[in-house]
Amino acid sequence: MSSPAGGREYAVTLAFGTATAGLVLLAAGQPWAESSVLSAGMPRQDVAVVGAAAATGMRASALVVLAALAATLVTTGRWRQLVGAVLLVAGAGVSVSAVLGGTQLRQTVRVAAADTAAGADSTAVDRAVRAADVTGWPWVAGMAGVLVAVVGLAVVVRGARWPGMSRRYERRASQHRPAPAQSQPGQFAEPGERTDAQDLWRALDEGRDPTR
């Protein structure tokens, strides 16, 4: 059974989950490592490795999170808890991708440097890898994934008690629906006929005069 407090809790959780998913998408587009390749006889080549290249699948996981958050709006009960489990798994996947991408970041820089500065000698590439400046975005992505997992856990534990959009709509519709007028049996009937309320409303829906 939902309550106003449960509705506020649901709104806060939904807003927080959306913000963390946006943070994951932001981290996926930011540079995780930057360097430059300096090789004799060649101009300086700047190299940048963004999160999407370092941690493949992170953007897809963030989109899954957004879709799951949207699904909580149209689900209730156990179905919403199932969506929460999807959020939990997606958040854990983001964190794992961030950790793996961070640990393999030097190798990713090496590949990017070799591709960017084609023709550069291996010594120059090695220097670029050693001099690579690693940013804090891998940590941001990892923490955002943990927060998404926390949101998923909250949906699993508390989601069944939160109000659903469909139920709110039905409740409001029932509150504003006018009550059918009470009719007396035979009020509009010819002598010898009996017209009940159901026949009366059916006649009005069909555009017929119920008095005839």
C-alpha atoms as a PDB file:
ATOM      1  CA  MET A   1       0.000   0.000   0.000  1.00  0.00           C
ATOM      2  CA  SER A   2       1.488   3.342  -1.025  1.00  0.00           C
ATOM      3  CA  SER A   3       1.662   6.513   1.042  1.00  0.00           C
ATOM      4  CA  PRO A   4       2.646  10.165   0.433  1.00  0.00           C
ATOM      5  CA  ALA A   5       5.992   9.423   2.100  1.00  0.00           C
ATOM      6  CA  GLY A   6       6.510   6.492  -0.268  1.00  0.00           C
ATOM      7  CA  GLY A   7       5.753   8.735  -3.232  1.00  0.00           C
ATOM      8  CA  ARG A   8       8.382  11.253  -2.124  1.00  0.00           C
ATOM      9  CA  GLU A   9      10.888   8.458  -1.559  1.00  0.00           C
ATOM     10  CA  TYR A  10      10.186   7.130  -5.038  1.00  0.00           C
ATOM     11  CA  ALA A  11      10.604  10.583  -6.612  1.00  0.00           C
ATOM     12  CA  VAL A  12      13.932  11.160  -4.843  1.00  0.00           C
ATOM     13  CA  THR A  13      15.215   7.712  -5.846  1.00  0.00           C
ATOM     14  CA  LEU A  14      14.168   8.237  -9.461  1.00  0.00           C
ATOM     15  CA  ALA A  15      15.823  11.671  -9.643  1.00  0.00           C
ATOM     16  CA  PHE A  16      19.000  10.380  -8.013  1.00  0.00           C
ATOM     17  CA  GLY A  17      19.174   7.389 -10.353  1.00  0.00           C
ATOM     18  CA  THR A  18      18.718   9.615 -13.399  1.00  0.00           C
ATOM     19  CA  ALA A  19      21.489  11.918 -12.203  1.00  0.00           C
ATOM     20  CA  THR A  20      23.914   9.036 -11.663  1.00  0.00           C
ATOM     21  CA  ALA A  21      23.117   7.574 -15.084  1.00  0.00           C
ATOM     22  CA  GLY A  22      23.861  10.996 -16.579  1.00  0.00           C
ATOM     23  CA  LEU A  23      27.128  11.034 -14.676  1.00  0.00           C
ATOM     24  CA  VAL A  24      28.080   7.694 -16.225  1.00  0.00           C
ATOM     25  CA  LEU A  25      27.355   9.053 -19.707  1.00  0.00           C
ATOM     26  CA  LEU A  26      29.406  12.161 -18.924  1.00  0.00           C
ATOM     27  CA  ALA A  27      32.344  10.079 -17.700  1.00  0.00           C
ATOM     28  CA  ALA A  28      32.175   7.920 -20.829  1.00  0.00           C
ATOM     29  CA  GLY A  29      32.775  10.983 -23.002  1.00  0.00           C
ATOM     30  CA  GLN A  30      35.589  12.517 -20.954  1.00  0.00           C
ATOM     31  CA  PRO A  31      39.331  11.858 -21.411  1.00  0.00           C
ATOM     32  CA  TRP A  32      40.641   9.244 -19.018  1.00  0.00           C
ATOM     33  CA  ALA A  33      44.245   9.618 -20.126  1.00  0.00           C
ATOM     34  CA  GLU A  34      46.152  12.171 -22.205  1.00  0.00           C
ATOM     35  CA  SER A  35      49.649  12.162 -23.625  1.00  0.00           C
ATOM     36  CA  SER A  36      51.755  13.295 -26.575  1.00  0.00           C
ATOM     37  CA  VAL A  37      53.956  11.419 -29.010  1.00  0.00           C
ATOM     38  CA  LEU A  38      57.263  13.158 -29.769  1.00  0.00           C
ATOM     39  CA  SER A  39      59.235  11.476 -32.529  1.00  0.00           C
ATOM     40  CA  ALA A  40      62.227  12.793 -34.478  1.00  0.00           C
ATOM     41  CA  GLY A  41      61.233  14.338 -37.789  1.00  0.00           C
ATOM     42  CA  MET A  42      57.507  14.307 -36.961  1.00  0.00           C
ATOM     43  CA  PRO A  43      55.247  16.957 -35.465  1.00  0.00           C
ATOM     44  CA  ARG A  44      53.923  16.490 -31.964  1.00  0.00           C
ATOM     45  CA  GLN A  45      50.855  14.238 -31.855  1.00  0.00           C
ATOM     46  CA  ASP A  46      48.445  14.610 -28.934  1.00  0.00           C
ATOM     47  CA  VAL A  47      46.692  11.466 -27.744  1.00  0.00           C
ATOM     48  CA  ALA A  48      43.522  11.277 -25.647  1.00  0.00           C
ATOM     49  CA  VAL A  49      41.684   8.155 -24.513  1.00  0.00           C
ATOM     50  CA  VAL A  50      38.046   8.765 -23.592  1.00  0.00           C
ATOM     51  CA  GLY A  51      36.045   6.601 -21.244  1.00  0.00           C
ATOM     52  CA  ALA A  52      34.018   4.924 -23.975  1.00  0.00           C
ATOM     53  CA  ALA A  53      37.246   3.678 -25.561  1.00  0.00           C
ATOM     54  CA  ALA A  54      38.823   2.609 -22.284  1.00  0.00           C
ATOM     55  CA  ALA A  55      35.711   0.909 -20.906  1.00  0.00           C
ATOM     56  CA  THR A  56      33.688  -0.452 -23.802  1.00  0.00           C
ATOM     57  CA  GLY A  57      30.054  -1.030 -23.041  1.00  0.00           C
ATOM     58  CA  MET A  58      29.811   1.754 -20.468  1.00  0.00           C
ATOM     59  CA  ARG A  59      27.535   3.926 -22.603  1.00  0.00           C
ATOM     60  CA  ALA A  60      25.303   0.946 -23.343  1.00  0.00           C
ATOM     61  CA  SER A  61      25.051   0.195 -19.620  1.00  0.00           C
ATOM     62  CA  ALA A  62      24.100   3.808 -18.906  1.00  0.00           C
ATOM     63  CA  LEU A  63      21.333   3.622 -21.516  1.00  0.00           C
ATOM     64  CA  VAL A  64      20.083   0.398 -19.919  1.00  0.00           C
ATOM     65  CA  VAL A  65      19.962   2.238 -16.589  1.00  0.00           C
ATOM     66  CA  LEU A  66      17.894   5.070 -18.076  1.00  0.00           C
ATOM     67  CA  ALA A  67      15.507   2.600 -19.716  1.00  0.00           C
ATOM     68  CA  ALA A  68      15.116   0.680 -16.452  1.00  0.00           C
ATOM     69  CA  LEU A  69      14.410   3.888 -14.531  1.00  0.00           C
ATOM     70  CA  ALA A  70      11.708   4.736 -17.070  1.00  0.00           C
ATOM     71  CA  ALA A  71      10.287   1.220 -16.670  1.00  0.00           C
ATOM     72  CA  THR A  72       9.760   1.795 -12.945  1.00  0.00           C
ATOM     73  CA  LEU A  73       7.115   4.373 -13.883  1.00  0.00           C
ATOM     74  CA  VAL A  74       4.880   1.807 -15.556  1.00  0.00           C
ATOM     75  CA  THR A  75       5.494  -1.193 -13.305  1.00  0.00           C
ATOM     76  CA  THR A  76       4.414  -2.105  -9.790  1.00  0.00           C
ATOM     77  CA  GLY A  77       4.998  -4.859  -7.291  1.00  0.00           C
ATOM     78  CA  ARG A  78       7.262  -7.713  -8.306  1.00  0.00           C
ATOM     79  CA  TRP A  79       7.707  -6.377 -11.832  1.00  0.00           C
ATOM     80  CA  ARG A  80       9.189  -3.190 -10.427  1.00  0.00           C
ATOM     81  CA  GLN A  81      11.444  -5.234  -8.154  1.00  0.00           C
ATOM     82  CA  LEU A  82      12.633  -7.117 -11.235  1.00  0.00           C
ATOM     83  CA  VAL A  83      13.462  -3.784 -12.877  1.00  0.00           C
ATOM     84  CA  GLY A  84      15.382  -2.889  -9.720  1.00  0.00           C
ATOM     85  CA  ALA A  85      17.434  -6.060 -10.132  1.00  0.00           C
ATOM     86  CA  VAL A  86      18.271  -4.972 -13.691  1.00  0.00           C
ATOM     87  CA  LEU A  87      19.425  -1.606 -12.304  1.00  0.00           C
ATOM     88  CA  LEU A  88      21.550  -3.370  -9.716  1.00  0.00           C
ATOM     89  CA  VAL A  89      23.255  -5.539 -12.340  1.00  0.00           C
ATOM     90  CA  ALA A  90      23.746  -2.596 -14.728  1.00  0.00           C
ATOM     91  CA  GLY A  91      25.322  -0.480 -11.993  1.00  0.00           C
ATOM     92  CA  ALA A  92      27.680  -3.297 -11.053  1.00  0.00           C
ATOM     93  CA  GLY A  93      28.566  -3.664 -14.737  1.00  0.00           C
ATOM     94  CA  VAL A  94      29.460   0.024 -14.973  1.00  0.00           C
ATOM     95  CA  SER A  95      31.749  -0.241 -11.950  1.00  0.00           C
ATOM     96  CA  VAL A  96      33.450  -3.378 -13.256  1.00  0.00           C
ATOM     97  CA  SER A  97      33.976  -1.762 -16.662  1.00  0.00           C
ATOM     98  CA  ALA A  98      35.472   1.317 -15.014  1.00  0.00           C
ATOM     99  CA  VAL A  99      37.873  -0.763 -12.925  1.00  0.00           C
ATOM    100  CA  LEU A 100      38.973  -2.932 -15.842  1.00  0.00           C
ATOM    101  CA  GLY A 101      39.310   0.082 -18.122  1.00  0.00           C
ATOM    102  CA  GLY A 102      41.415   1.865 -15.514  1.00  0.00           C
ATOM    103  CA  THR A 103      43.763  -1.048 -14.986  1.00  0.00           C
ATOM    104  CA  GLN A 104      44.305  -1.452 -18.743  1.00  0.00           C
ATOM    105  CA  LEU A 105      44.516   2.262 -19.433  1.00  0.00           C
ATOM    106  CA  ARG A 106      48.240   2.298 -20.225  1.00  0.00           C
ATOM    107  CA  GLN A 107      47.790  -0.397 -22.834  1.00  0.00           C
ATOM    108  CA  THR A 108      44.881   1.547 -24.326  1.00  0.00           C
ATOM    109  CA  VAL A 109      47.084   4.641 -24.487  1.00  0.00           C
ATOM    110  CA  ARG A 110      49.752   2.623 -26.274  1.00  0.00           C
ATOM    111  CA  VAL A 111      47.293   1.480 -28.942  1.00  0.00           C
ATOM    112  CA  ALA A 112      45.905   4.986 -29.362  1.00  0.00           C
ATOM    113  CA  ALA A 113      49.399   6.499 -29.604  1.00  0.00           C
ATOM    114  CA  ALA A 114      50.476   3.998 -32.235  1.00  0.00           C
ATOM    115  CA  ASP A 115      47.319   4.716 -34.263  1.00  0.00           C
ATOM    116  CA  THR A 116      47.507   8.505 -33.891  1.00  0.00           C
ATOM    117  CA  ALA A 117      51.202   8.834 -34.654  1.00  0.00           C
ATOM    118  CA  ALA A 118      51.535   6.261 -37.394  1.00  0.00           C
ATOM    119  CA  GLY A 119      55.177   5.947 -38.362  1.00  0.00           C
ATOM    120  CA  ALA A 120      56.510   6.982 -34.962  1.00  0.00           C
ATOM    121  CA  ASP A 121      59.243   4.781 -33.550  1.00  0.00           C
ATOM    122  CA  SER A 122      58.447   2.451 -30.670  1.00  0.00           C
ATOM    123  CA  THR A 123      60.670   4.424 -28.315  1.00  0.00           C
ATOM    124  CA  ALA A 124      58.546   7.546 -28.798  1.00  0.00           C
ATOM    125  CA  VAL A 125      55.397   5.526 -28.182  1.00  0.00           C
ATOM    126  CA  ASP A 126      56.885   4.058 -24.999  1.00  0.00           C
ATOM    127  CA  ARG A 127      57.721   7.555 -23.772  1.00  0.00           C
ATOM    128  CA  ALA A 128      54.169   8.690 -24.495  1.00  0.00           C
ATOM    129  CA  VAL A 129      52.770   5.779 -22.486  1.00  0.00           C
ATOM    130  CA  ARG A 130      55.025   6.489 -19.496  1.00  0.00           C
ATOM    131  CA  ALA A 131      54.204  10.204 -19.608  1.00  0.00           C
ATOM    132  CA  ALA A 132      50.458   9.693 -19.928  1.00  0.00           C
ATOM    133  CA  ASP A 133      48.407  11.849 -17.585  1.00  0.00           C
ATOM    134  CA  VAL A 134      45.603   9.785 -16.055  1.00  0.00           C
ATOM    135  CA  THR A 135      42.573  11.828 -15.015  1.00  0.00           C
ATOM    136  CA  GLY A 136      40.079  11.151 -12.237  1.00  0.00           C
ATOM    137  CA  TRP A 137      37.231  10.175 -14.547  1.00  0.00           C
ATOM    138  CA  PRO A 138      37.737   6.411 -14.104  1.00  0.00           C
ATOM    139  CA  TRP A 139      37.080   6.890 -10.387  1.00  0.00           C
ATOM    140  CA  VAL A 140      34.031   9.027 -11.116  1.00  0.00           C
ATOM    141  CA  ALA A 141      32.625   6.346 -13.425  1.00  0.00           C
ATOM    142  CA  GLY A 142      33.288   3.612 -10.883  1.00  0.00           C
ATOM    143  CA  MET A 143      31.557   5.519  -8.076  1.00  0.00           C
ATOM    144  CA  ALA A 144      28.627   6.383 -10.354  1.00  0.00           C
ATOM    145  CA  GLY A 145      28.197   2.682 -11.078  1.00  0.00           C
ATOM    146  CA  VAL A 146      28.138   1.929  -7.346  1.00  0.00           C
ATOM    147  CA  LEU A 147      25.472   4.602  -6.826  1.00  0.00           C
ATOM    148  CA  VAL A 148      23.371   3.140  -9.647  1.00  0.00           C
ATOM    149  CA  ALA A 149      23.627  -0.256  -7.964  1.00  0.00           C
ATOM    150  CA  VAL A 150      22.452   1.331  -4.686  1.00  0.00           C
ATOM    151  CA  VAL A 151      19.448   2.797  -6.518  1.00  0.00           C
ATOM    152  CA  GLY A 152      18.680  -0.655  -7.942  1.00  0.00           C
ATOM    153  CA  LEU A 153      18.892  -2.184  -4.478  1.00  0.00           C
ATOM    154  CA  ALA A 154      16.491   0.467  -3.153  1.00  0.00           C
ATOM    155  CA  VAL A 155      14.016  -0.375  -5.910  1.00  0.00           C
ATOM    156  CA  VAL A 156      14.272  -4.087  -5.101  1.00  0.00           C
ATOM    157  CA  VAL A 157      13.730  -3.539  -1.373  1.00  0.00           C
ATOM    158  CA  ARG A 158      11.262  -0.641  -1.382  1.00  0.00           C
ATOM    159  CA  GLY A 159       9.858  -0.440  -4.906  1.00  0.00           C
ATOM    160  CA  ALA A 160       6.812  -2.625  -4.276  1.00  0.00           C
ATOM    161  CA  ARG A 161       5.543  -0.069  -1.719  1.00  0.00           C
ATOM    162  CA  TRP A 162       5.863   2.927  -4.005  1.00  0.00           C
ATOM    163  CA  PRO A 163       2.849   4.208  -5.957  1.00  0.00           C
ATOM    164  CA  GLY A 164       2.465   3.330  -9.611  1.00  0.00           C
ATOM    165  CA  MET A 165       1.541   5.767 -12.337  1.00  0.00           C
ATOM    166  CA  SER A 166      -1.333   3.605 -13.595  1.00  0.00           C
ATOM    167  CA  ARG A 167      -2.874   3.299 -10.151  1.00  0.00           C
ATOM    168  CA  ARG A 168      -2.655   7.043  -9.536  1.00  0.00           C
ATOM    169  CA  TYR A 169      -4.381   7.669 -12.873  1.00  0.00           C
ATOM    170  CA  GLU A 170      -7.142   5.188 -12.158  1.00  0.00           C
ATOM    171  CA  ARG A 171      -7.693   6.622  -8.684  1.00  0.00           C
ATOM    172  CA  ARG A 172      -7.956  10.183  -9.996  1.00  0.00           C
ATOM    173  CA  ALA A 173     -10.255   9.107 -12.816  1.00  0.00           C
ATOM    174  CA  SER A 174     -12.569   7.358 -10.373  1.00  0.00           C
ATOM    175  CA  GLN A 175     -12.652  10.426  -8.140  1.00  0.00           C
ATOM    176  CA  HIS A 176     -13.706  12.675 -11.024  1.00  0.00           C
ATOM    177  CA  ARG A 177     -16.097  10.245 -12.735  1.00  0.00           C
ATOM    178  CA  PRO A 178     -19.713  11.419 -12.234  1.00  0.00           C
ATOM    179  CA  ALA A 179     -22.034   8.984 -10.531  1.00  0.00           C
ATOM    180  CA  PRO A 180     -24.794   7.616 -12.760  1.00  0.00           C
ATOM    181  CA  ALA A 181     -28.182   9.167 -12.162  1.00  0.00           C
ATOM    182  CA  GLN A 182     -30.600   7.036 -10.214  1.00  0.00           C
ATOM    183  CA  SER A 183     -33.676   6.147 -12.165  1.00  0.00           C
ATOM    184  CA  GLN A 184     -36.888   4.675 -10.963  1.00  0.00           C
ATOM    185  CA  PRO A 185     -38.033   1.473 -12.626  1.00  0.00           C
ATOM    186  CA  GLY A 186     -40.686   2.235 -15.184  1.00  0.00           C
ATOM    187  CA  GLN A 187     -40.200   6.016 -14.995  1.00  0.00           C
ATOM    188  CA  PHE A 188     -39.673   6.318 -18.758  1.00  0.00           C
ATOM    189  CA  ALA A 189     -41.522   3.198 -19.752  1.00  0.00           C
ATOM    190  CA  GLU A 190     -44.723   2.832 -21.587  1.00  0.00           C
ATOM    191  CA  PRO A 191     -47.511   1.058 -19.752  1.00  0.00           C
ATOM    192  CA  GLY A 192     -46.763  -2.616 -19.551  1.00  0.00           C
ATOM    193  CA  GLU A 193     -42.959  -2.134 -20.041  1.00  0.00           C
ATOM    194  CA  ARG A 194     -40.202  -2.056 -17.513  1.00  0.00           C
ATOM    195  CA  THR A 195     -37.023  -0.077 -18.268  1.00  0.00           C
ATOM    196  CA  ASP A 196     -34.168  -0.467 -15.798  1.00  0.00           C
ATOM    197  CA  ALA A 197     -31.132   1.797 -15.429  1.00  0.00           C
ATOM    198  CA  GLN A 198     -28.962  -0.395 -17.669  1.00  0.00           C
ATOM    199  CA  ASP A 199     -31.449  -0.212 -20.566  1.00  0.00           C
ATOM    200  CA  LEU A 200     -31.760   3.543 -20.083  1.00  0.00           C
ATOM    201  CA  TRP A 201     -28.019   4.195 -20.343  1.00  0.00           C
ATOM    202  CA  ARG A 202     -27.719   1.810 -23.290  1.00  0.00           C
ATOM    203  CA  ALA A 203     -30.420   3.729 -25.138  1.00  0.00           C
ATOM    204  CA  LEU A 204     -28.745   7.051 -24.432  1.00  0.00           C
ATOM    205  CA  ASP A 205     -25.354   5.697 -25.645  1.00  0.00           C
ATOM    206  CA  GLU A 206     -26.986   4.539 -28.887  1.00  0.00           C
ATOM    207  CA  GLY A 207     -28.629   7.933 -29.414  1.00  0.00           C
ATOM    208  CA  ARG A 208     -32.173   6.652 -28.973  1.00  0.00           C
ATOM    209  CA  ASP A 209     -34.924   8.364 -27.030  1.00  0.00           C
ATOM    210  CA  PRO A 210     -35.526   6.104 -23.995  1.00  0.00           C
ATOM    211  CA  THR A 211     -39.076   7.446 -23.604  1.00  0.00           C
ATOM    212  CA  ARG A 212     -40.185   5.958 -26.909  1.00  0.00           C
END
